[in-house]
Structure formats: structure tokens, C-alpha cells
Amino acid sequence: FSVYRREHLPARWRLDNADRTGDIVVVADESWQLFARTLTAKYPAAPLGGVHGYDRHLPSMAATFIADGPRFADSAVVESFDNVEVYGIIADILGVAPADTDGDIARVRYFMTPAH
């Protein structure tokens, strides 16, 4: 695992908010989990499943995006993109103005067809 002081966290993590981030942050290495001993005793047979908190830039954190319909190019294989773009894609398909987010529809519009 890695240990950081709040002020030394990677900026891309956006965890510098004092109200939500402790002074010290411990981050498990990829494929490892940090688990409270009290919970291990309470749930000894609990299956280990998906967890959150890993760096989104790790290849193992990539998701699969599959889409079909009139707004998507046929048989397109696209470059990897951040999950924040999905909201903009849905808003664009629905023809509604999206709220201001970290996404940018321009980054993914290349695999979409124009609205009719």
C-alpha cells in the first residue's frame, strides 16, 4: 500500500477537500483491499468482491462500453474514454442540455452519428 499526506495526493484524484479527506490517506495497491479486522471477525466467510478507491488510470479499472442504436456508428471500435463522458452521451441522445460536469461530449462525439 501507499501512504500520503493530504497535501501530497496526486492532483488528478481531487481529494484535497479537508472536509472529506483525512490528513493521512492510505491507498491499497492494485488487487489488494484494506479491511477492518473487526469486520473480518464479524463476516469471516464474506466473499471479496468489487471495491472502489483504485486509481482510475489503471488499465484494470477500465470499463466496457457497448452501445447500439441510431446515434452510434455501426461496428465502431473506439478508444478508451473516461466514465464521466457517459452522462454527456446520454444527455446528447435525449436532446437535453447537460449540467456542467467534468465530461466533454466533444471527446466522444466522433463515434456518434448526428441527431435527426
PDB file of N, CA and C in Angstrom:
ATOM      1  N   PHE A   1       0.835  -1.176   0.000  1.00  0.00           N
ATOM      2  CA  PHE A   1       0.000   0.000   0.000  1.00  0.00           C
ATOM      3  C   PHE A   1       0.881   1.241   0.000  1.00  0.00           C
ATOM      4  N   SER A   2       0.261   2.368  -0.270  1.00  0.00           N
ATOM      5  CA  SER A   2       0.952   3.660  -0.263  1.00  0.00           C
ATOM      6  C   SER A   2       0.279   4.567   0.756  1.00  0.00           C
ATOM      7  N   VAL A   3       1.064   5.420   1.360  1.00  0.00           N
ATOM      8  CA  VAL A   3       0.556   6.358   2.359  1.00  0.00           C
ATOM      9  C   VAL A   3       0.904   7.770   1.910  1.00  0.00           C
ATOM     10  N   TYR A   4      -0.084   8.660   1.949  1.00  0.00           N
ATOM     11  CA  TYR A   4       0.096  10.044   1.520  1.00  0.00           C
ATOM     12  C   TYR A   4      -0.399  10.999   2.597  1.00  0.00           C
ATOM     13  N   ARG A   5       0.237  12.131   2.694  1.00  0.00           N
ATOM     14  CA  ARG A   5      -0.354  13.260   3.407  1.00  0.00           C
ATOM     15  C   ARG A   5      -1.312  13.910   2.415  1.00  0.00           C
ATOM     16  N   ARG A   6      -2.399  14.482   2.916  1.00  0.00           N
ATOM     17  CA  ARG A   6      -3.406  15.072   2.029  1.00  0.00           C
ATOM     18  C   ARG A   6      -2.770  16.007   0.998  1.00  0.00           C
ATOM     19  N   GLU A   7      -1.846  16.839   1.427  1.00  0.00           N
ATOM     20  CA  GLU A   7      -1.254  17.829   0.515  1.00  0.00           C
ATOM     21  C   GLU A   7      -0.345  17.203  -0.546  1.00  0.00           C
ATOM     22  N   HIS A   8      -0.042  15.918  -0.425  1.00  0.00           N
ATOM     23  CA  HIS A   8       0.804  15.248  -1.414  1.00  0.00           C
ATOM     24  C   HIS A   8       0.043  14.244  -2.282  1.00  0.00           C
ATOM     25  N   LEU A   9      -1.265  14.226  -2.163  1.00  0.00           N
ATOM     26  CA  LEU A   9      -2.059  13.331  -3.012  1.00  0.00           C
ATOM     27  C   LEU A   9      -1.960  13.776  -4.466  1.00  0.00           C
ATOM     28  N   PRO A  10      -1.965  12.838  -5.407  1.00  0.00           N
ATOM     29  CA  PRO A  10      -1.980  13.235  -6.814  1.00  0.00           C
ATOM     30  C   PRO A  10      -3.172  14.153  -7.105  1.00  0.00           C
ATOM     31  N   ALA A  11      -2.923  15.254  -7.781  1.00  0.00           N
ATOM     32  CA  ALA A  11      -3.975  16.247  -8.059  1.00  0.00           C
ATOM     33  C   ALA A  11      -5.143  15.631  -8.819  1.00  0.00           C
ATOM     34  N   ARG A  12      -4.875  14.668  -9.695  1.00  0.00           N
ATOM     35  CA  ARG A  12      -5.952  14.071 -10.504  1.00  0.00           C
ATOM     36  C   ARG A  12      -6.973  13.333  -9.642  1.00  0.00           C
ATOM     37  N   TRP A  13      -6.621  12.999  -8.400  1.00  0.00           N
ATOM     38  CA  TRP A  13      -7.556  12.324  -7.508  1.00  0.00           C
ATOM     39  C   TRP A  13      -8.578  13.276  -6.921  1.00  0.00           C
ATOM     40  N   ARG A  14      -8.305  14.545  -6.926  1.00  0.00           N
ATOM     41  CA  ARG A  14      -9.226  15.566  -6.416  1.00  0.00           C
ATOM     42  C   ARG A  14      -9.704  15.259  -4.994  1.00  0.00           C
ATOM     43  N   LEU A  15      -8.783  14.923  -4.137  1.00  0.00           N
ATOM     44  CA  LEU A  15      -9.113  14.587  -2.754  1.00  0.00           C
ATOM     45  C   LEU A  15      -8.548  15.597  -1.764  1.00  0.00           C
ATOM     46  N   ASP A  16      -8.364  16.820  -2.203  1.00  0.00           N
ATOM     47  CA  ASP A  16      -7.757  17.815  -1.323  1.00  0.00           C
ATOM     48  C   ASP A  16      -8.782  18.568  -0.477  1.00  0.00           C
ATOM     49  N   ASN A  17     -10.029  18.125  -0.467  1.00  0.00           N
ATOM     50  CA  ASN A  17     -11.077  18.759   0.326  1.00  0.00           C
ATOM     51  C   ASN A  17     -10.932  18.337   1.789  1.00  0.00           C
ATOM     52  N   ALA A  18     -10.621  19.298   2.637  1.00  0.00           N
ATOM     53  CA  ALA A  18     -10.362  18.994   4.051  1.00  0.00           C
ATOM     54  C   ALA A  18     -11.563  18.375   4.758  1.00  0.00           C
ATOM     55  N   ASP A  19     -12.763  18.667   4.317  1.00  0.00           N
ATOM     56  CA  ASP A  19     -13.957  18.122   4.964  1.00  0.00           C
ATOM     57  C   ASP A  19     -14.170  16.639   4.669  1.00  0.00           C
ATOM     58  N   ARG A  20     -13.611  16.154   3.580  1.00  0.00           N
ATOM     59  CA  ARG A  20     -13.886  14.779   3.168  1.00  0.00           C
ATOM     60  C   ARG A  20     -12.653  13.897   3.103  1.00  0.00           C
ATOM     61  N   THR A  21     -11.481  14.467   3.315  1.00  0.00           N
ATOM     62  CA  THR A  21     -10.250  13.706   3.210  1.00  0.00           C
ATOM     63  C   THR A  21      -9.438  13.886   4.485  1.00  0.00           C
ATOM     64  N   GLY A  22      -8.993  12.794   5.051  1.00  0.00           N
ATOM     65  CA  GLY A  22      -8.188  12.872   6.268  1.00  0.00           C
ATOM     66  C   GLY A  22      -6.808  13.441   6.002  1.00  0.00           C
ATOM     67  N   ASP A  23      -6.103  13.725   7.058  1.00  0.00           N
ATOM     68  CA  ASP A  23      -4.745  14.252   6.927  1.00  0.00           C
ATOM     69  C   ASP A  23      -3.804  13.222   6.315  1.00  0.00           C
ATOM     70  N   ILE A  24      -4.056  11.957   6.596  1.00  0.00           N
ATOM     71  CA  ILE A  24      -3.270  10.846   6.062  1.00  0.00           C
ATOM     72  C   ILE A  24      -4.217   9.956   5.257  1.00  0.00           C
ATOM     73  N   VAL A  25      -3.793   9.558   4.061  1.00  0.00           N
ATOM     74  CA  VAL A  25      -4.604   8.691   3.201  1.00  0.00           C
ATOM     75  C   VAL A  25      -3.786   7.443   2.873  1.00  0.00           C
ATOM     76  N   VAL A  26      -4.363   6.276   3.129  1.00  0.00           N
ATOM     77  CA  VAL A  26      -3.727   5.001   2.825  1.00  0.00           C
ATOM     78  C   VAL A  26      -4.451   4.413   1.618  1.00  0.00           C
ATOM     79  N   VAL A  27      -3.688   4.043   0.603  1.00  0.00           N
ATOM     80  CA  VAL A  27      -4.261   3.529  -0.642  1.00  0.00           C
ATOM     81  C   VAL A  27      -3.716   2.124  -0.889  1.00  0.00           C
ATOM     82  N   ALA A  28      -4.613   1.171  -1.026  1.00  0.00           N
ATOM     83  CA  ALA A  28      -4.201  -0.206  -1.313  1.00  0.00           C
ATOM     84  C   ALA A  28      -3.649  -0.298  -2.725  1.00  0.00           C
ATOM     85  N   ASP A  29      -2.633  -1.122  -2.897  1.00  0.00           N
ATOM     86  CA  ASP A  29      -2.115  -1.384  -4.235  1.00  0.00           C
ATOM     87  C   ASP A  29      -3.176  -2.127  -5.042  1.00  0.00           C
ATOM     88  N   GLU A  30      -3.035  -2.057  -6.338  1.00  0.00           N
ATOM     89  CA  GLU A  30      -3.963  -2.740  -7.232  1.00  0.00           C
ATOM     90  C   GLU A  30      -4.083  -4.210  -6.833  1.00  0.00           C
ATOM     91  N   SER A  31      -5.289  -4.693  -6.788  1.00  0.00           N
ATOM     92  CA  SER A  31      -5.700  -6.065  -6.461  1.00  0.00           C
ATOM     93  C   SER A  31      -5.660  -6.369  -4.966  1.00  0.00           C
ATOM     94  N   TRP A  32      -5.387  -5.379  -4.141  1.00  0.00           N
ATOM     95  CA  TRP A  32      -5.410  -5.555  -2.690  1.00  0.00           C
ATOM     96  C   TRP A  32      -6.536  -4.734  -2.094  1.00  0.00           C
ATOM     97  N   GLN A  33      -6.988  -5.135  -0.900  1.00  0.00           N
ATOM     98  CA  GLN A  33      -8.011  -4.397  -0.173  1.00  0.00           C
ATOM     99  C   GLN A  33      -7.542  -4.161   1.252  1.00  0.00           C
ATOM    100  N   LEU A  34      -7.979  -3.054   1.809  1.00  0.00           N
ATOM    101  CA  LEU A  34      -7.786  -2.799   3.230  1.00  0.00           C
ATOM    102  C   LEU A  34      -9.116  -3.105   3.895  1.00  0.00           C
ATOM    103  N   PHE A  35      -9.096  -3.945   4.916  1.00  0.00           N
ATOM    104  CA  PHE A  35     -10.331  -4.419   5.520  1.00  0.00           C
ATOM    105  C   PHE A  35     -10.178  -4.366   7.026  1.00  0.00           C
ATOM    106  N   ALA A  36     -11.142  -3.826   7.719  1.00  0.00           N
ATOM    107  CA  ALA A  36     -11.079  -3.723   9.177  1.00  0.00           C
ATOM    108  C   ALA A  36     -11.121  -5.104   9.816  1.00  0.00           C
ATOM    109  N   ARG A  37     -10.240  -5.340  10.747  1.00  0.00           N
ATOM    110  CA  ARG A  37     -10.190  -6.625  11.439  1.00  0.00           C
ATOM    111  C   ARG A  37     -11.526  -6.957  12.106  1.00  0.00           C
ATOM    112  N   THR A  38     -12.201  -5.937  12.620  1.00  0.00           N
ATOM    113  CA  THR A  38     -13.499  -6.178  13.268  1.00  0.00           C
ATOM    114  C   THR A  38     -14.524  -6.709  12.271  1.00  0.00           C
ATOM    115  N   LEU A  39     -14.452  -6.261  11.039  1.00  0.00           N
ATOM    116  CA  LEU A  39     -15.378  -6.769  10.020  1.00  0.00           C
ATOM    117  C   LEU A  39     -14.996  -8.173   9.586  1.00  0.00           C
ATOM    118  N   THR A  40     -13.704  -8.461   9.541  1.00  0.00           N
ATOM    119  CA  THR A  40     -13.263  -9.808   9.190  1.00  0.00           C
ATOM    120  C   THR A  40     -13.781 -10.811  10.213  1.00  0.00           C
ATOM    121  N   ALA A  41     -13.738 -10.435  11.492  1.00  0.00           N
ATOM    122  CA  ALA A  41     -14.241 -11.326  12.544  1.00  0.00           C
ATOM    123  C   ALA A  41     -15.756 -11.482  12.458  1.00  0.00           C
ATOM    124  N   LYS A  42     -16.440 -10.401  12.112  1.00  0.00           N
ATOM    125  CA  LYS A  42     -17.903 -10.427  12.041  1.00  0.00           C
ATOM    126  C   LYS A  42     -18.398 -11.196  10.816  1.00  0.00           C
ATOM    127  N   TYR A  43     -17.678 -11.098   9.709  1.00  0.00           N
ATOM    128  CA  TYR A  43     -18.083 -11.748   8.453  1.00  0.00           C
ATOM    129  C   TYR A  43     -16.933 -12.608   7.921  1.00  0.00           C
ATOM    130  N   PRO A  44     -16.591 -13.695   8.588  1.00  0.00           N
ATOM    131  CA  PRO A  44     -15.409 -14.471   8.190  1.00  0.00           C
ATOM    132  C   PRO A  44     -15.509 -15.103   6.807  1.00  0.00           C
ATOM    133  N   ALA A  45     -16.699 -15.396   6.358  1.00  0.00           N
ATOM    134  CA  ALA A  45     -16.855 -16.046   5.059  1.00  0.00           C
ATOM    135  C   ALA A  45     -17.305 -15.072   3.978  1.00  0.00           C
ATOM    136  N   ALA A  46     -17.230 -13.779   4.265  1.00  0.00           N
ATOM    137  CA  ALA A  46     -17.694 -12.789   3.286  1.00  0.00           C
ATOM    138  C   ALA A  46     -16.831 -12.860   2.031  1.00  0.00           C
ATOM    139  N   PRO A  47     -17.472 -12.979   0.881  1.00  0.00           N
ATOM    140  CA  PRO A  47     -16.690 -13.008  -0.360  1.00  0.00           C
ATOM    141  C   PRO A  47     -16.098 -11.629  -0.636  1.00  0.00           C
ATOM    142  N   LEU A  48     -14.909 -11.626  -1.163  1.00  0.00           N
ATOM    143  CA  LEU A  48     -14.300 -10.362  -1.557  1.00  0.00           C
ATOM    144  C   LEU A  48     -14.780 -10.039  -2.961  1.00  0.00           C
ATOM    145  N   GLY A  49     -15.398  -8.908  -3.104  1.00  0.00           N
ATOM    146  CA  GLY A  49     -15.930  -8.516  -4.403  1.00  0.00           C
ATOM    147  C   GLY A  49     -15.307  -7.230  -4.869  1.00  0.00           C
ATOM    148  N   GLY A  50     -16.021  -6.545  -5.718  1.00  0.00           N
ATOM    149  CA  GLY A  50     -15.533  -5.274  -6.232  1.00  0.00           C
ATOM    150  C   GLY A  50     -15.456  -4.230  -5.141  1.00  0.00           C
ATOM    151  N   VAL A  51     -14.458  -3.407  -5.229  1.00  0.00           N
ATOM    152  CA  VAL A  51     -14.282  -2.315  -4.281  1.00  0.00           C
ATOM    153  C   VAL A  51     -13.963  -1.051  -5.068  1.00  0.00           C
ATOM    154  N   HIS A  52     -13.939   0.059  -4.363  1.00  0.00           N
ATOM    155  CA  HIS A  52     -13.612   1.313  -5.027  1.00  0.00           C
ATOM    156  C   HIS A  52     -12.387   1.921  -4.375  1.00  0.00           C
ATOM    157  N   GLY A  53     -11.859   2.968  -5.003  1.00  0.00           N
ATOM    158  CA  GLY A  53     -10.723   3.667  -4.433  1.00  0.00           C
ATOM    159  C   GLY A  53      -9.438   3.495  -5.211  1.00  0.00           C
ATOM    160  N   TYR A  54      -9.430   2.635  -6.209  1.00  0.00           N
ATOM    161  CA  TYR A  54      -8.229   2.468  -7.014  1.00  0.00           C
ATOM    162  C   TYR A  54      -8.104   3.624  -8.004  1.00  0.00           C
ATOM    163  N   ASP A  55      -6.902   3.851  -8.467  1.00  0.00           N
ATOM    164  CA  ASP A  55      -6.631   4.911  -9.437  1.00  0.00           C
ATOM    165  C   ASP A  55      -7.360   4.595 -10.742  1.00  0.00           C
ATOM    166  N   ARG A  56      -8.169   5.515 -11.203  1.00  0.00           N
ATOM    167  CA  ARG A  56      -8.957   5.269 -12.423  1.00  0.00           C
ATOM    168  C   ARG A  56      -8.089   5.147 -13.668  1.00  0.00           C
ATOM    169  N   HIS A  57      -6.818   5.508 -13.582  1.00  0.00           N
ATOM    170  CA  HIS A  57      -5.929   5.390 -14.730  1.00  0.00           C
ATOM    171  C   HIS A  57      -5.280   4.008 -14.845  1.00  0.00           C
ATOM    172  N   LEU A  58      -5.536   3.132 -13.898  1.00  0.00           N
ATOM    173  CA  LEU A  58      -5.024   1.769 -14.005  1.00  0.00           C
ATOM    174  C   LEU A  58      -5.784   1.044 -15.119  1.00  0.00           C
ATOM    175  N   PRO A  59      -5.088   0.328 -15.987  1.00  0.00           N
ATOM    176  CA  PRO A  59      -5.784  -0.406 -17.053  1.00  0.00           C
ATOM    177  C   PRO A  59      -6.859  -1.355 -16.518  1.00  0.00           C
ATOM    178  N   SER A  60      -6.646  -1.928 -15.360  1.00  0.00           N
ATOM    179  CA  SER A  60      -7.630  -2.863 -14.804  1.00  0.00           C
ATOM    180  C   SER A  60      -8.916  -2.173 -14.357  1.00  0.00           C
ATOM    181  N   MET A  61      -8.923  -0.866 -14.295  1.00  0.00           N
ATOM    182  CA  MET A  61     -10.113  -0.122 -13.878  1.00  0.00           C
ATOM    183  C   MET A  61     -10.975   0.288 -15.071  1.00  0.00           C
ATOM    184  N   ALA A  62     -10.554  -0.041 -16.259  1.00  0.00           N
ATOM    185  CA  ALA A  62     -11.321   0.326 -17.449  1.00  0.00           C
ATOM    186  C   ALA A  62     -12.623  -0.469 -17.505  1.00  0.00           C
ATOM    187  N   ALA A  63     -13.650   0.172 -17.992  1.00  0.00           N
ATOM    188  CA  ALA A  63     -14.946  -0.484 -18.162  1.00  0.00           C
ATOM    189  C   ALA A  63     -15.160  -0.792 -19.644  1.00  0.00           C
ATOM    190  N   THR A  64     -16.131  -1.612 -19.924  1.00  0.00           N
ATOM    191  CA  THR A  64     -16.513  -1.903 -21.302  1.00  0.00           C
ATOM    192  C   THR A  64     -17.737  -1.069 -21.637  1.00  0.00           C
ATOM    193  N   PHE A  65     -17.689  -0.390 -22.767  1.00  0.00           N
ATOM    194  CA  PHE A  65     -18.824   0.416 -23.219  1.00  0.00           C
ATOM    195  C   PHE A  65     -19.357  -0.217 -24.493  1.00  0.00           C
ATOM    196  N   ILE A  66     -20.589  -0.666 -24.444  1.00  0.00           N
ATOM    197  CA  ILE A  66     -21.246  -1.260 -25.610  1.00  0.00           C
ATOM    198  C   ILE A  66     -22.513  -0.464 -25.859  1.00  0.00           C
ATOM    199  N   ALA A  67     -22.678  -0.006 -27.079  1.00  0.00           N
ATOM    200  CA  ALA A  67     -23.855   0.797 -27.407  1.00  0.00           C
ATOM    201  C   ALA A  67     -24.381   0.405 -28.777  1.00  0.00           C
ATOM    202  N   ASP A  68     -25.679   0.531 -28.933  1.00  0.00           N
ATOM    203  CA  ASP A  68     -26.314   0.228 -30.208  1.00  0.00           C
ATOM    204  C   ASP A  68     -27.474   1.186 -30.384  1.00  0.00           C
ATOM    205  N   GLY A  69     -27.732   1.543 -31.587  1.00  0.00           N
ATOM    206  CA  GLY A  69     -28.854   2.425 -31.864  1.00  0.00           C
ATOM    207  C   GLY A  69     -28.511   3.419 -32.947  1.00  0.00           C
ATOM    208  N   PRO A  70     -29.489   4.216 -33.335  1.00  0.00           N
ATOM    209  CA  PRO A  70     -29.297   5.136 -34.459  1.00  0.00           C
ATOM    210  C   PRO A  70     -28.262   6.231 -34.204  1.00  0.00           C
ATOM    211  N   ARG A  71     -27.897   6.480 -32.978  1.00  0.00           N
ATOM    212  CA  ARG A  71     -26.933   7.551 -32.690  1.00  0.00           C
ATOM    213  C   ARG A  71     -25.491   7.055 -32.606  1.00  0.00           C
ATOM    214  N   PHE A  72     -25.275   5.777 -32.851  1.00  0.00           N
ATOM    215  CA  PHE A  72     -23.924   5.229 -32.764  1.00  0.00           C
ATOM    216  C   PHE A  72     -23.494   4.670 -34.108  1.00  0.00           C
ATOM    217  N   ALA A  73     -22.246   4.931 -34.459  1.00  0.00           N
ATOM    218  CA  ALA A  73     -21.696   4.438 -35.718  1.00  0.00           C
ATOM    219  C   ALA A  73     -21.705   2.907 -35.709  1.00  0.00           C
ATOM    220  N   ASP A  74     -22.039   2.316 -36.856  1.00  0.00           N
ATOM    221  CA  ASP A  74     -22.088   0.859 -36.964  1.00  0.00           C
ATOM    222  C   ASP A  74     -20.697   0.251 -36.803  1.00  0.00           C
ATOM    223  N   SER A  75     -20.618  -0.807 -36.029  1.00  0.00           N
ATOM    224  CA  SER A  75     -19.393  -1.593 -35.842  1.00  0.00           C
ATOM    225  C   SER A  75     -18.183  -0.764 -35.426  1.00  0.00           C
ATOM    226  N   ALA A  76     -18.409   0.320 -34.745  1.00  0.00           N
ATOM    227  CA  ALA A  76     -17.297   1.178 -34.325  1.00  0.00           C
ATOM    228  C   ALA A  76     -16.556   0.547 -33.146  1.00  0.00           C
ATOM    229  N   VAL A  77     -15.264   0.589 -33.215  1.00  0.00           N
ATOM    230  CA  VAL A  77     -14.410   0.228 -32.088  1.00  0.00           C
ATOM    231  C   VAL A  77     -13.738   1.525 -31.683  1.00  0.00           C
ATOM    232  N   VAL A  78     -13.946   1.942 -30.456  1.00  0.00           N
ATOM    233  CA  VAL A  78     -13.500   3.277 -30.047  1.00  0.00           C
ATOM    234  C   VAL A  78     -12.362   3.205 -29.038  1.00  0.00           C
ATOM    235  N   GLU A  79     -11.668   4.304 -28.933  1.00  0.00           N
ATOM    236  CA  GLU A  79     -10.602   4.422 -27.946  1.00  0.00           C
ATOM    237  C   GLU A  79     -11.211   4.456 -26.545  1.00  0.00           C
ATOM    238  N   SER A  80     -10.426   4.108 -25.580  1.00  0.00           N
ATOM    239  CA  SER A  80     -10.857   4.173 -24.188  1.00  0.00           C
ATOM    240  C   SER A  80     -11.228   5.609 -23.828  1.00  0.00           C
ATOM    241  N   PHE A  81     -12.269   5.755 -23.006  1.00  0.00           N
ATOM    242  CA  PHE A  81     -12.639   7.092 -22.542  1.00  0.00           C
ATOM    243  C   PHE A  81     -13.094   7.008 -21.093  1.00  0.00           C
ATOM    244  N   ASP A  82     -13.072   8.147 -20.419  1.00  0.00           N
ATOM    245  CA  ASP A  82     -13.440   8.200 -19.005  1.00  0.00           C
ATOM    246  C   ASP A  82     -14.945   8.034 -18.817  1.00  0.00           C
ATOM    247  N   ASN A  83     -15.324   7.424 -17.716  1.00  0.00           N
ATOM    248  CA  ASN A  83     -16.742   7.212 -17.413  1.00  0.00           C
ATOM    249  C   ASN A  83     -17.533   8.506 -17.328  1.00  0.00           C
ATOM    250  N   VAL A  84     -16.875   9.630 -17.027  1.00  0.00           N
ATOM    251  CA  VAL A  84     -17.605  10.900 -16.934  1.00  0.00           C
ATOM    252  C   VAL A  84     -18.214  11.292 -18.267  1.00  0.00           C
ATOM    253  N   GLU A  85     -17.793  10.685 -19.356  1.00  0.00           N
ATOM    254  CA  GLU A  85     -18.346  11.007 -20.672  1.00  0.00           C
ATOM    255  C   GLU A  85     -19.715  10.362 -20.899  1.00  0.00           C
ATOM    256  N   VAL A  86     -20.036   9.303 -20.177  1.00  0.00           N
ATOM    257  CA  VAL A  86     -21.304   8.596 -20.400  1.00  0.00           C
ATOM    258  C   VAL A  86     -22.494   9.520 -20.159  1.00  0.00           C
ATOM    259  N   TYR A  87     -22.430  10.346 -19.137  1.00  0.00           N
ATOM    260  CA  TYR A  87     -23.520  11.287 -18.848  1.00  0.00           C
ATOM    261  C   TYR A  87     -23.781  12.197 -20.047  1.00  0.00           C
ATOM    262  N   GLY A  88     -22.724  12.737 -20.636  1.00  0.00           N
ATOM    263  CA  GLY A  88     -22.885  13.608 -21.797  1.00  0.00           C
ATOM    264  C   GLY A  88     -23.459  12.872 -22.996  1.00  0.00           C
ATOM    265  N   ILE A  89     -23.055  11.629 -23.183  1.00  0.00           N
ATOM    266  CA  ILE A  89     -23.589  10.815 -24.278  1.00  0.00           C
ATOM    267  C   ILE A  89     -25.096  10.645 -24.104  1.00  0.00           C
ATOM    268  N   ILE A  90     -25.519  10.294 -22.907  1.00  0.00           N
ATOM    269  CA  ILE A  90     -26.949  10.093 -22.650  1.00  0.00           C
ATOM    270  C   ILE A  90     -27.718  11.398 -22.826  1.00  0.00           C
ATOM    271  N   ALA A  91     -27.190  12.490 -22.296  1.00  0.00           N
ATOM    272  CA  ALA A  91     -27.864  13.787 -22.449  1.00  0.00           C
ATOM    273  C   ALA A  91     -27.986  14.148 -23.923  1.00  0.00           C
ATOM    274  N   ASP A  92     -26.930  13.910 -24.692  1.00  0.00           N
ATOM    275  CA  ASP A  92     -26.949  14.220 -26.122  1.00  0.00           C
ATOM    276  C   ASP A  92     -28.003  13.386 -26.846  1.00  0.00           C
ATOM    277  N   ILE A  93     -28.070  12.105 -26.544  1.00  0.00           N
ATOM    278  CA  ILE A  93     -29.064  11.227 -27.166  1.00  0.00           C
ATOM    279  C   ILE A  93     -30.480  11.688 -26.834  1.00  0.00           C
ATOM    280  N   LEU A  94     -30.686  12.104 -25.590  1.00  0.00           N
ATOM    281  CA  LEU A  94     -32.014  12.557 -25.164  1.00  0.00           C
ATOM    282  C   LEU A  94     -32.336  13.970 -25.620  1.00  0.00           C
ATOM    283  N   GLY A  95     -31.340  14.676 -26.134  1.00  0.00           N
ATOM    284  CA  GLY A  95     -31.563  16.040 -26.600  1.00  0.00           C
ATOM    285  C   GLY A  95     -31.759  17.039 -25.481  1.00  0.00           C
ATOM    286  N   VAL A  96     -31.164  16.771 -24.332  1.00  0.00           N
ATOM    287  CA  VAL A  96     -31.272  17.700 -23.206  1.00  0.00           C
ATOM    288  C   VAL A  96     -29.908  18.332 -22.938  1.00  0.00           C
ATOM    289  N   ALA A  97     -29.943  19.535 -22.415  1.00  0.00           N
ATOM    290  CA  ALA A  97     -28.700  20.224 -22.071  1.00  0.00           C
ATOM    291  C   ALA A  97     -28.140  19.607 -20.793  1.00  0.00           C
ATOM    292  N   PRO A  98     -26.916  19.109 -20.835  1.00  0.00           N
ATOM    293  CA  PRO A  98     -26.352  18.501 -19.631  1.00  0.00           C
ATOM    294  C   PRO A  98     -25.934  19.552 -18.613  1.00  0.00           C
ATOM    295  N   ALA A  99     -25.941  19.170 -17.364  1.00  0.00           N
ATOM    296  CA  ALA A  99     -25.394  20.032 -16.313  1.00  0.00           C
ATOM    297  C   ALA A  99     -23.885  20.114 -16.510  1.00  0.00           C
ATOM    298  N   ASP A 100     -23.274  21.098 -15.916  1.00  0.00           N
ATOM    299  CA  ASP A 100     -21.832  21.268 -16.011  1.00  0.00           C
ATOM    300  C   ASP A 100     -21.136  20.153 -15.225  1.00  0.00           C
ATOM    301  N   THR A 101     -20.326  19.362 -15.916  1.00  0.00           N
ATOM    302  CA  THR A 101     -19.580  18.267 -15.283  1.00  0.00           C
ATOM    303  C   THR A 101     -18.157  18.275 -15.818  1.00  0.00           C
ATOM    304  N   ASP A 102     -17.385  17.287 -15.417  1.00  0.00           N
ATOM    305  CA  ASP A 102     -16.021  17.151 -15.925  1.00  0.00           C
ATOM    306  C   ASP A 102     -15.991  16.523 -17.315  1.00  0.00           C
ATOM    307  N   GLY A 103     -17.112  16.029 -17.787  1.00  0.00           N
ATOM    308  CA  GLY A 103     -17.166  15.425 -19.109  1.00  0.00           C
ATOM    309  C   GLY A 103     -17.236  16.475 -20.206  1.00  0.00           C
ATOM    310  N   ASP A 104     -16.931  16.045 -21.426  1.00  0.00           N
ATOM    311  CA  ASP A 104     -16.993  16.923 -22.598  1.00  0.00           C
ATOM    312  C   ASP A 104     -17.407  16.070 -23.793  1.00  0.00           C
ATOM    313  N   ILE A 105     -18.603  16.276 -24.272  1.00  0.00           N
ATOM    314  CA  ILE A 105     -19.146  15.469 -25.374  1.00  0.00           C
ATOM    315  C   ILE A 105     -18.242  15.500 -26.605  1.00  0.00           C
ATOM    316  N   ALA A 106     -17.480  16.556 -26.770  1.00  0.00           N
ATOM    317  CA  ALA A 106     -16.579  16.658 -27.923  1.00  0.00           C
ATOM    318  C   ALA A 106     -15.546  15.525 -27.928  1.00  0.00           C
ATOM    319  N   ARG A 107     -15.214  15.001 -26.774  1.00  0.00           N
ATOM    320  CA  ARG A 107     -14.215  13.928 -26.700  1.00  0.00           C
ATOM    321  C   ARG A 107     -14.749  12.590 -27.193  1.00  0.00           C
ATOM    322  N   VAL A 108     -16.056  12.440 -27.277  1.00  0.00           N
ATOM    323  CA  VAL A 108     -16.628  11.151 -27.679  1.00  0.00           C
ATOM    324  C   VAL A 108     -17.578  11.254 -28.871  1.00  0.00           C
ATOM    325  N   ARG A 109     -17.835  12.437 -29.334  1.00  0.00           N
ATOM    326  CA  ARG A 109     -18.801  12.614 -30.416  1.00  0.00           C
ATOM    327  C   ARG A 109     -18.356  11.927 -31.710  1.00  0.00           C
ATOM    328  N   TYR A 110     -17.067  11.660 -31.853  1.00  0.00           N
ATOM    329  CA  TYR A 110     -16.556  11.059 -33.086  1.00  0.00           C
ATOM    330  C   TYR A 110     -17.172   9.697 -33.388  1.00  0.00           C
ATOM    331  N   PHE A 111     -17.679   8.993 -32.389  1.00  0.00           N
ATOM    332  CA  PHE A 111     -18.299   7.697 -32.677  1.00  0.00           C
ATOM    333  C   PHE A 111     -19.824   7.755 -32.652  1.00  0.00           C
ATOM    334  N   MET A 112     -20.352   8.970 -32.582  1.00  0.00           N
ATOM    335  CA  MET A 112     -21.805   9.141 -32.605  1.00  0.00           C
ATOM    336  C   MET A 112     -22.232   9.717 -33.951  1.00  0.00           C
ATOM    337  N   THR A 113     -23.433   9.415 -34.346  1.00  0.00           N
ATOM    338  CA  THR A 113     -23.967   9.986 -35.578  1.00  0.00           C
ATOM    339  C   THR A 113     -24.821  11.195 -35.220  1.00  0.00           C
ATOM    340  N   PRO A 114     -24.991  12.127 -36.146  1.00  0.00           N
ATOM    341  CA  PRO A 114     -25.783  13.333 -35.848  1.00  0.00           C
ATOM    342  C   PRO A 114     -27.234  12.995 -35.511  1.00  0.00           C
ATOM    343  N   ALA A 115     -27.822  13.826 -34.665  1.00  0.00           N
ATOM    344  CA  ALA A 115     -29.243  13.666 -34.327  1.00  0.00           C
ATOM    345  C   ALA A 115     -30.080  14.044 -35.534  1.00  0.00           C
ATOM    346  N   HIS A 116     -31.214  13.389 -35.693  1.00  0.00           N
ATOM    347  CA  HIS A 116     -32.103  13.702 -36.828  1.00  0.00           C
ATOM    348  C   HIS A 116     -33.189  14.632 -36.387  1.00  0.00           C
TER     349      HIS A 116
END
